[in-house]
Protein backbone atom coordinates (compact mmCIF):
# COMPACT_ATOMS: atom_id res chain seq x y z
CA UNK A 1 -278.01 -19.15 -54.24
CA UNK A 2 -275.89 -22.37 -53.56
CA UNK A 3 -274.09 -22.53 -50.47
CA UNK A 4 -271.02 -24.85 -49.91
CA UNK A 5 -269.46 -25.52 -46.57
CA UNK A 6 -266.12 -27.08 -46.52
CA UNK A 7 -264.78 -28.29 -43.14
CA UNK A 8 -261.10 -29.13 -42.74
CA UNK A 9 -258.66 -29.61 -39.90
CA UNK A 10 -256.60 -26.63 -39.22
CA UNK A 11 -253.16 -27.91 -40.37
CA UNK A 12 -251.41 -25.36 -42.35
CA UNK A 13 -253.60 -25.07 -45.41
CA UNK A 14 -252.30 -22.28 -47.60
CA UNK A 15 -254.18 -19.38 -49.08
CA UNK A 16 -253.29 -20.71 -52.51
CA UNK A 17 -254.86 -24.14 -51.57
CA UNK A 18 -258.04 -22.55 -50.25
CA UNK A 19 -258.34 -20.62 -53.30
CA UNK A 20 -258.28 -23.80 -55.31
CA UNK A 21 -260.93 -25.42 -53.15
CA UNK A 22 -263.21 -22.37 -53.58
CA UNK A 23 -262.58 -22.34 -57.32
CA UNK A 24 -263.03 -26.12 -57.84
CA UNK A 25 -266.24 -26.24 -55.68
CA UNK A 26 -267.59 -23.45 -57.56
CA UNK A 27 -266.86 -25.08 -60.87
CA UNK A 28 -268.24 -28.28 -59.79
CA UNK A 29 -271.62 -26.72 -59.19
CA UNK A 30 -271.53 -24.89 -62.39
CA UNK A 31 -270.60 -27.97 -64.39
CA UNK A 32 -272.91 -30.46 -62.74
CA UNK A 33 -275.90 -28.45 -61.67
CA UNK A 34 -275.74 -25.50 -64.07
CA UNK A 35 -275.50 -23.08 -61.26
CA UNK A 36 -274.44 -19.41 -61.58
CA UNK A 37 -270.98 -18.90 -60.15
CA UNK A 38 -271.63 -15.31 -59.33
CA UNK A 39 -274.25 -16.26 -56.75
CA UNK A 40 -272.34 -19.54 -55.46
CA UNK A 41 -271.02 -19.02 -52.05
CA UNK A 42 -268.23 -21.27 -50.57
CA UNK A 43 -267.18 -20.99 -46.87
CA UNK A 44 -264.14 -22.96 -45.54
CA UNK A 45 -264.21 -23.71 -41.85
CA UNK A 46 -260.88 -24.78 -40.35
CA UNK A 47 -261.44 -26.82 -37.31
CA UNK A 48 -258.64 -27.43 -34.57
CA UNK A 49 -257.71 -31.14 -34.25
CA UNK A 50 -258.75 -31.09 -30.88
CA UNK A 51 -262.35 -30.36 -31.81
CA UNK A 52 -262.58 -33.13 -34.41
CA UNK A 53 -263.37 -36.61 -33.45
CA UNK A 54 -263.13 -39.98 -35.33
CA UNK A 55 -263.98 -43.31 -33.78
CA UNK A 56 -264.21 -41.75 -30.18
CA UNK A 57 -260.75 -40.02 -30.26
CA UNK A 58 -259.67 -36.46 -31.31
CA UNK A 59 -257.64 -36.24 -34.53
CA UNK A 60 -254.91 -34.83 -32.27
CA UNK A 61 -254.68 -38.05 -30.45
CA UNK A 62 -254.95 -40.17 -33.56
CA UNK A 63 -252.16 -38.50 -35.26
CA UNK A 64 -250.06 -38.88 -32.34
CA UNK A 65 -250.36 -42.60 -32.39
CA UNK A 66 -249.95 -42.83 -36.26
CA UNK A 67 -253.64 -43.40 -37.30
């Protein structure tokens, strides 16, 4: 049973976009690895930008300074 975990920052991703991510990730495993879509699990974790860091700064701070 394949398990795919997608982590994104929590910034207004729509239900439709999430559905497309789930479908696309599932289709990728079917196409590339021949996995059964009925047993492929996809989980999307939305992380607050204060809880995601890059280069020693939170994404919140980086966005404020335009990085």
